[in-house]
Amino acid sequence: METKNYITAFCKIDPEKINLNHSIIFSETDHMNSVSFLKSAYKHFMLNYPKFYKMDKLCQLAFVCSDLLLKDSKITEKYDTEEIAIVVANSAASLEVDTEHQDTICDINNSFPSPALFVYTLPNILIGEIAIRNKIKGENTFFIFDKFDADFMSSYINSLLNTGKAKCCITGWVNFYEDNCEAFLYIVEKQAGVLNIENRAEELNNLHSN
């Protein structure tokens, strides 16, 4: 019989609000763009990570979401750093910064490639930023799907935990393209936790869509 695993915390970000464990903890009504919204949230929660301003937009989104998710979870105290996995997916990969980088090299007579942009032209860089920030050294994987695939994600994460490859996983969806941002990150553990939500596709779809 397959062992049950549980979603113990989640954080969702869209261009207008941040939802942490069913509570709206931050919102803006000034119709600001996604970049301004993320910077406003970063300042509001005093996340204090100077490198934030050097990150591309996708990493900034992942950083804010993961920092708020992990702030009170204590998973880095409960588990060894090698026991925590990070698995993230999206649909646009790193296309936002890829486009910016392409603009700097497309004119052969006026080419000015930027190393600061080039370093972010892989979507799994956001996993690296989360890992560095939290000193996490466990397994990590990045997937590209047309849309959030709750069936695959629940099955994959349950397999990681049930086979002992990880004891805890930070996972979810982080997408940023053409000023449209969406982040849904959550923690999966073997213990039920306060939320008491099983890591099943039905539960994931409900959390993601509501």
C-alpha atoms as a PDB file:
ATOM      1  CA  MET A   1       0.000   0.000   0.000  1.00  0.00           C
ATOM      2  CA  GLU A   2       1.390   3.389  -1.005  1.00  0.00           C
ATOM      3  CA  THR A   3       2.328   5.695   1.850  1.00  0.00           C
ATOM      4  CA  LYS A   4       0.401   8.952   2.065  1.00  0.00           C
ATOM      5  CA  ASN A   5       2.257  12.252   1.854  1.00  0.00           C
ATOM      6  CA  TYR A   6       0.896  15.645   2.769  1.00  0.00           C
ATOM      7  CA  ILE A   7       0.976  19.276   1.651  1.00  0.00           C
ATOM      8  CA  THR A   8       2.007  21.115   4.808  1.00  0.00           C
ATOM      9  CA  ALA A   9       2.189  24.672   3.448  1.00  0.00           C
ATOM     10  CA  PHE A  10       1.600  26.529   0.194  1.00  0.00           C
ATOM     11  CA  CYS A  11       2.051  30.004  -1.264  1.00  0.00           C
ATOM     12  CA  LYS A  12       0.397  31.431  -4.380  1.00  0.00           C
ATOM     13  CA  ILE A  13       1.276  34.655  -6.185  1.00  0.00           C
ATOM     14  CA  ASP A  14      -0.615  36.321  -9.008  1.00  0.00           C
ATOM     15  CA  PRO A  15      -0.234  39.930 -10.244  1.00  0.00           C
ATOM     16  CA  GLU A  16      -2.539  41.294  -7.529  1.00  0.00           C
ATOM     17  CA  LYS A  17      -2.194  39.234  -4.347  1.00  0.00           C
ATOM     18  CA  ILE A  18      -0.251  36.696  -2.327  1.00  0.00           C
ATOM     19  CA  ASN A  19      -2.050  33.797  -0.661  1.00  0.00           C
ATOM     20  CA  LEU A  20      -0.235  31.906   2.093  1.00  0.00           C
ATOM     21  CA  ASN A  21      -2.037  28.880   3.514  1.00  0.00           C
ATOM     22  CA  HIS A  22      -5.507  30.218   2.606  1.00  0.00           C
ATOM     23  CA  SER A  23      -4.802  33.748   3.900  1.00  0.00           C
ATOM     24  CA  ILE A  24      -4.256  36.814   1.695  1.00  0.00           C
ATOM     25  CA  ILE A  25      -1.118  38.293   3.212  1.00  0.00           C
ATOM     26  CA  PHE A  26      -0.396  40.972   0.591  1.00  0.00           C
ATOM     27  CA  SER A  27      -2.336  42.725  -2.166  1.00  0.00           C
ATOM     28  CA  GLU A  28      -2.046  45.774  -4.397  1.00  0.00           C
ATOM     29  CA  THR A  29      -4.947  47.630  -5.996  1.00  0.00           C
ATOM     30  CA  ASP A  30      -2.929  50.166  -7.995  1.00  0.00           C
ATOM     31  CA  HIS A  31      -2.821  47.938 -11.103  1.00  0.00           C
ATOM     32  CA  MET A  32       0.976  47.939 -11.109  1.00  0.00           C
ATOM     33  CA  ASN A  33       2.872  45.621 -13.438  1.00  0.00           C
ATOM     34  CA  SER A  34       4.189  42.277 -12.218  1.00  0.00           C
ATOM     35  CA  VAL A  35       7.759  43.479 -11.710  1.00  0.00           C
ATOM     36  CA  SER A  36       6.623  46.417  -9.564  1.00  0.00           C
ATOM     37  CA  PHE A  37       4.303  44.119  -7.631  1.00  0.00           C
ATOM     38  CA  LEU A  38       7.144  41.724  -6.802  1.00  0.00           C
ATOM     39  CA  LYS A  39       9.447  44.544  -5.722  1.00  0.00           C
ATOM     40  CA  SER A  40       6.675  45.989  -3.580  1.00  0.00           C
ATOM     41  CA  ALA A  41       6.141  42.622  -1.893  1.00  0.00           C
ATOM     42  CA  TYR A  42       9.900  42.171  -1.415  1.00  0.00           C
ATOM     43  CA  LYS A  43      10.106  45.526   0.388  1.00  0.00           C
ATOM     44  CA  HIS A  44       6.900  44.979   2.372  1.00  0.00           C
ATOM     45  CA  PHE A  45       8.114  41.700   3.863  1.00  0.00           C
ATOM     46  CA  MET A  46      11.678  43.006   4.297  1.00  0.00           C
ATOM     47  CA  LEU A  47      13.150  39.881   2.715  1.00  0.00           C
ATOM     48  CA  ASN A  48      16.622  41.456   2.776  1.00  0.00           C
ATOM     49  CA  TYR A  49      18.542  39.713   0.006  1.00  0.00           C
ATOM     50  CA  PRO A  50      20.491  42.258  -2.068  1.00  0.00           C
ATOM     51  CA  LYS A  51      21.003  39.773  -4.908  1.00  0.00           C
ATOM     52  CA  PHE A  52      17.237  39.982  -5.535  1.00  0.00           C
ATOM     53  CA  TYR A  53      17.693  43.051  -7.728  1.00  0.00           C
ATOM     54  CA  LYS A  54      20.214  41.263  -9.958  1.00  0.00           C
ATOM     55  CA  MET A  55      17.890  38.313 -10.633  1.00  0.00           C
ATOM     56  CA  ASP A  56      15.751  37.947 -13.732  1.00  0.00           C
ATOM     57  CA  LYS A  57      11.971  38.250 -13.328  1.00  0.00           C
ATOM     58  CA  LEU A  58      11.357  34.500 -13.146  1.00  0.00           C
ATOM     59  CA  CYS A  59      13.852  34.112 -10.312  1.00  0.00           C
ATOM     60  CA  GLN A  60      12.460  37.130  -8.488  1.00  0.00           C
ATOM     61  CA  LEU A  61       9.019  35.536  -8.586  1.00  0.00           C
ATOM     62  CA  ALA A  62      10.360  32.197  -7.333  1.00  0.00           C
ATOM     63  CA  PHE A  63      12.424  33.921  -4.646  1.00  0.00           C
ATOM     64  CA  VAL A  64       9.533  35.903  -3.143  1.00  0.00           C
ATOM     65  CA  CYS A  65       7.182  32.910  -3.238  1.00  0.00           C
ATOM     66  CA  SER A  66       9.688  30.463  -1.737  1.00  0.00           C
ATOM     67  CA  ASP A  67      10.874  32.878   0.945  1.00  0.00           C
ATOM     68  CA  LEU A  68       7.337  33.478   2.159  1.00  0.00           C
ATOM     69  CA  LEU A  69       6.558  29.763   1.954  1.00  0.00           C
ATOM     70  CA  LEU A  70       9.607  28.774   4.000  1.00  0.00           C
ATOM     71  CA  LYS A  71       9.549  31.631   6.484  1.00  0.00           C
ATOM     72  CA  ASP A  72       7.568  29.759   9.145  1.00  0.00           C
ATOM     73  CA  SER A  73       7.860  26.171   7.908  1.00  0.00           C
ATOM     74  CA  LYS A  74      11.142  25.330   9.722  1.00  0.00           C
ATOM     75  CA  ILE A  75      11.887  22.533   7.229  1.00  0.00           C
ATOM     76  CA  THR A  76      15.558  23.516   7.054  1.00  0.00           C
ATOM     77  CA  GLU A  77      15.692  22.875  10.806  1.00  0.00           C
ATOM     78  CA  LYS A  78      13.698  19.617  10.693  1.00  0.00           C
ATOM     79  CA  TYR A  79      15.659  17.968   7.866  1.00  0.00           C
ATOM     80  CA  ASP A  80      19.241  17.675   6.738  1.00  0.00           C
ATOM     81  CA  THR A  81      19.910  19.847   3.698  1.00  0.00           C
ATOM     82  CA  GLU A  82      20.437  16.726   1.547  1.00  0.00           C
ATOM     83  CA  GLU A  83      16.966  15.427   2.494  1.00  0.00           C
ATOM     84  CA  ILE A  84      15.068  18.337   0.926  1.00  0.00           C
ATOM     85  CA  ALA A  85      14.289  18.171  -2.790  1.00  0.00           C
ATOM     86  CA  ILE A  86      13.203  21.011  -5.082  1.00  0.00           C
ATOM     87  CA  VAL A  87      10.996  20.222  -8.080  1.00  0.00           C
ATOM     88  CA  VAL A  88       9.484  23.037 -10.156  1.00  0.00           C
ATOM     89  CA  ALA A  89       7.678  23.296 -13.484  1.00  0.00           C
ATOM     90  CA  ASN A  90       6.380  25.979 -15.841  1.00  0.00           C
ATOM     91  CA  SER A  91       5.262  26.519 -19.435  1.00  0.00           C
ATOM     92  CA  ALA A  92       7.473  29.384 -20.622  1.00  0.00           C
ATOM     93  CA  ALA A  93      10.856  28.073 -19.444  1.00  0.00           C
ATOM     94  CA  SER A  94      13.185  31.127 -19.339  1.00  0.00           C
ATOM     95  CA  LEU A  95      11.659  32.717 -22.444  1.00  0.00           C
ATOM     96  CA  GLU A  96      11.248  36.120 -20.789  1.00  0.00           C
ATOM     97  CA  VAL A  97      14.993  36.621 -20.276  1.00  0.00           C
ATOM     98  CA  ASP A  98      15.835  34.620 -23.427  1.00  0.00           C
ATOM     99  CA  THR A  99      14.014  37.296 -25.448  1.00  0.00           C
ATOM    100  CA  GLU A 100      15.860  40.079 -23.661  1.00  0.00           C
ATOM    101  CA  HIS A 101      19.174  38.352 -24.291  1.00  0.00           C
ATOM    102  CA  GLN A 102      18.333  37.810 -27.961  1.00  0.00           C
ATOM    103  CA  ASP A 103      17.691  41.544 -28.335  1.00  0.00           C
ATOM    104  CA  THR A 104      21.261  42.234 -27.240  1.00  0.00           C
ATOM    105  CA  ILE A 105      22.838  40.010 -29.920  1.00  0.00           C
ATOM    106  CA  CYS A 106      20.480  40.068 -32.923  1.00  0.00           C
ATOM    107  CA  ASP A 107      22.188  43.018 -34.648  1.00  0.00           C
ATOM    108  CA  ILE A 108      25.560  41.756 -35.866  1.00  0.00           C
ATOM    109  CA  ASN A 109      26.822  45.327 -36.189  1.00  0.00           C
ATOM    110  CA  ASN A 110      25.639  46.383 -32.759  1.00  0.00           C
ATOM    111  CA  SER A 111      25.927  43.270 -30.649  1.00  0.00           C
ATOM    112  CA  PHE A 112      26.290  43.776 -26.918  1.00  0.00           C
ATOM    113  CA  PRO A 113      25.650  40.423 -25.172  1.00  0.00           C
ATOM    114  CA  SER A 114      25.017  40.796 -21.464  1.00  0.00           C
ATOM    115  CA  PRO A 115      26.498  38.204 -19.074  1.00  0.00           C
ATOM    116  CA  ALA A 116      23.988  39.382 -16.464  1.00  0.00           C
ATOM    117  CA  LEU A 117      21.161  38.252 -18.753  1.00  0.00           C
ATOM    118  CA  PHE A 118      22.870  35.160 -20.162  1.00  0.00           C
ATOM    119  CA  VAL A 119      23.336  33.598 -16.727  1.00  0.00           C
ATOM    120  CA  TYR A 120      19.539  33.326 -16.384  1.00  0.00           C
ATOM    121  CA  THR A 121      18.812  31.717 -19.756  1.00  0.00           C
ATOM    122  CA  LEU A 122      17.987  28.371 -18.169  1.00  0.00           C
ATOM    123  CA  PRO A 123      14.757  28.000 -16.169  1.00  0.00           C
ATOM    124  CA  ASN A 124      16.315  25.749 -13.520  1.00  0.00           C
ATOM    125  CA  ILE A 125      18.453  28.676 -12.358  1.00  0.00           C
ATOM    126  CA  LEU A 126      15.502  29.580 -10.134  1.00  0.00           C
ATOM    127  CA  ILE A 127      15.978  26.262  -8.315  1.00  0.00           C
ATOM    128  CA  GLY A 128      19.602  27.211  -7.756  1.00  0.00           C
ATOM    129  CA  GLU A 129      18.577  30.554  -6.272  1.00  0.00           C
ATOM    130  CA  ILE A 130      16.181  28.851  -3.838  1.00  0.00           C
ATOM    131  CA  ALA A 131      18.809  26.261  -2.923  1.00  0.00           C
ATOM    132  CA  ILE A 132      21.545  28.850  -2.339  1.00  0.00           C
ATOM    133  CA  ARG A 133      19.271  31.071  -0.278  1.00  0.00           C
ATOM    134  CA  ASN A 134      18.241  28.178   1.996  1.00  0.00           C
ATOM    135  CA  LYS A 135      21.425  26.035   1.812  1.00  0.00           C
ATOM    136  CA  ILE A 136      19.466  23.097   0.349  1.00  0.00           C
ATOM    137  CA  LYS A 137      21.500  20.304  -1.266  1.00  0.00           C
ATOM    138  CA  GLY A 138      18.923  17.630  -2.133  1.00  0.00           C
ATOM    139  CA  GLU A 139      17.652  16.416  -5.500  1.00  0.00           C
ATOM    140  CA  ASN A 140      16.302  19.011  -7.907  1.00  0.00           C
ATOM    141  CA  THR A 141      14.458  18.855 -11.209  1.00  0.00           C
ATOM    142  CA  PHE A 142      12.742  21.321 -13.541  1.00  0.00           C
ATOM    143  CA  PHE A 143       9.943  20.315 -15.936  1.00  0.00           C
ATOM    144  CA  ILE A 144       8.256  22.132 -18.832  1.00  0.00           C
ATOM    145  CA  PHE A 145       4.515  21.513 -19.342  1.00  0.00           C
ATOM    146  CA  ASP A 146       1.786  23.325 -21.276  1.00  0.00           C
ATOM    147  CA  LYS A 147      -0.015  23.851 -17.976  1.00  0.00           C
ATOM    148  CA  PHE A 148       0.201  22.784 -14.350  1.00  0.00           C
ATOM    149  CA  ASP A 149      -0.022  18.990 -14.342  1.00  0.00           C
ATOM    150  CA  ALA A 150      -1.340  17.934 -10.941  1.00  0.00           C
ATOM    151  CA  ASP A 151      -1.383  14.236 -11.824  1.00  0.00           C
ATOM    152  CA  PHE A 152       2.284  14.173 -12.779  1.00  0.00           C
ATOM    153  CA  MET A 153       3.471  16.424  -9.969  1.00  0.00           C
ATOM    154  CA  SER A 154       1.662  14.536  -7.213  1.00  0.00           C
ATOM    155  CA  SER A 155       2.866  11.179  -8.558  1.00  0.00           C
ATOM    156  CA  TYR A 156       6.476  12.322  -9.023  1.00  0.00           C
ATOM    157  CA  ILE A 157       6.791  13.912  -5.577  1.00  0.00           C
ATOM    158  CA  ASN A 158       5.128  10.963  -3.855  1.00  0.00           C
ATOM    159  CA  SER A 159       7.620   8.679  -5.586  1.00  0.00           C
ATOM    160  CA  LEU A 160      10.557  10.780  -4.334  1.00  0.00           C
ATOM    161  CA  LEU A 161       9.349  10.565  -0.743  1.00  0.00           C
ATOM    162  CA  ASN A 162       8.149   6.965  -0.828  1.00  0.00           C
ATOM    163  CA  THR A 163      11.426   5.665  -2.279  1.00  0.00           C
ATOM    164  CA  GLY A 164      13.502   7.563   0.267  1.00  0.00           C
ATOM    165  CA  LYS A 165      15.152   9.905  -2.234  1.00  0.00           C
ATOM    166  CA  ALA A 166      13.869  12.825  -0.178  1.00  0.00           C
ATOM    167  CA  LYS A 167      12.073  13.360   3.119  1.00  0.00           C
ATOM    168  CA  CYS A 168      10.622  16.719   2.130  1.00  0.00           C
ATOM    169  CA  CYS A 169      10.051  18.527  -1.162  1.00  0.00           C
ATOM    170  CA  ILE A 170       9.558  22.146  -2.174  1.00  0.00           C
ATOM    171  CA  THR A 171       7.603  21.935  -5.384  1.00  0.00           C
ATOM    172  CA  GLY A 172       5.102  23.609  -7.686  1.00  0.00           C
ATOM    173  CA  TRP A 173       4.693  25.978 -10.615  1.00  0.00           C
ATOM    174  CA  VAL A 174       6.537  29.254 -11.330  1.00  0.00           C
ATOM    175  CA  ASN A 175       5.816  31.004 -14.631  1.00  0.00           C
ATOM    176  CA  PHE A 176       6.696  34.503 -15.878  1.00  0.00           C
ATOM    177  CA  TYR A 177       6.257  35.714 -19.431  1.00  0.00           C
ATOM    178  CA  GLU A 178       5.198  39.043 -20.950  1.00  0.00           C
ATOM    179  CA  ASP A 179       4.363  40.524 -17.543  1.00  0.00           C
ATOM    180  CA  ASN A 180       2.091  37.611 -16.653  1.00  0.00           C
ATOM    181  CA  CYS A 181       3.293  36.010 -13.457  1.00  0.00           C
ATOM    182  CA  GLU A 182       1.980  33.003 -11.593  1.00  0.00           C
ATOM    183  CA  ALA A 183       3.593  31.107  -8.754  1.00  0.00           C
ATOM    184  CA  PHE A 184       2.223  28.197  -6.764  1.00  0.00           C
ATOM    185  CA  LEU A 185       4.780  26.575  -4.499  1.00  0.00           C
ATOM    186  CA  TYR A 186       4.054  24.078  -1.746  1.00  0.00           C
ATOM    187  CA  ILE A 187       5.839  21.785   0.684  1.00  0.00           C
ATOM    188  CA  VAL A 188       5.241  18.030   0.773  1.00  0.00           C
ATOM    189  CA  GLU A 189       6.150  15.950   3.813  1.00  0.00           C
ATOM    190  CA  LYS A 190       5.193  12.595   5.299  1.00  0.00           C
ATOM    191  CA  GLN A 191       3.509  14.201   8.307  1.00  0.00           C
ATOM    192  CA  ALA A 192       0.026  15.673   7.866  1.00  0.00           C
ATOM    193  CA  GLY A 193       0.741  19.077   9.401  1.00  0.00           C
ATOM    194  CA  VAL A 194      -1.843  21.746  10.198  1.00  0.00           C
ATOM    195  CA  LEU A 195      -3.354  21.874   6.699  1.00  0.00           C
ATOM    196  CA  ASN A 196      -3.934  18.102   6.612  1.00  0.00           C
ATOM    197  CA  ILE A 197      -4.064  18.032   2.782  1.00  0.00           C
ATOM    198  CA  GLU A 198      -3.038  14.839   1.037  1.00  0.00           C
ATOM    199  CA  ASN A 199      -0.634  15.214  -1.882  1.00  0.00           C
ATOM    200  CA  ARG A 200      -3.135  14.024  -4.486  1.00  0.00           C
ATOM    201  CA  ALA A 201      -4.034  15.457  -7.894  1.00  0.00           C
ATOM    202  CA  GLU A 202      -7.542  16.433  -6.815  1.00  0.00           C
ATOM    203  CA  GLU A 203      -6.279  18.402  -3.835  1.00  0.00           C
ATOM    204  CA  LEU A 204      -3.559  20.055  -5.901  1.00  0.00           C
ATOM    205  CA  ASN A 205      -6.005  21.155  -8.586  1.00  0.00           C
ATOM    206  CA  ASN A 206      -8.247  22.688  -5.924  1.00  0.00           C
ATOM    207  CA  LEU A 207      -5.381  24.617  -4.334  1.00  0.00           C
ATOM    208  CA  HIS A 208      -4.002  25.743  -7.681  1.00  0.00           C
ATOM    209  CA  SER A 209      -7.285  26.936  -9.135  1.00  0.00           C
ATOM    210  CA  ASN A 210      -8.854  28.586  -6.066  1.00  0.00           C
END
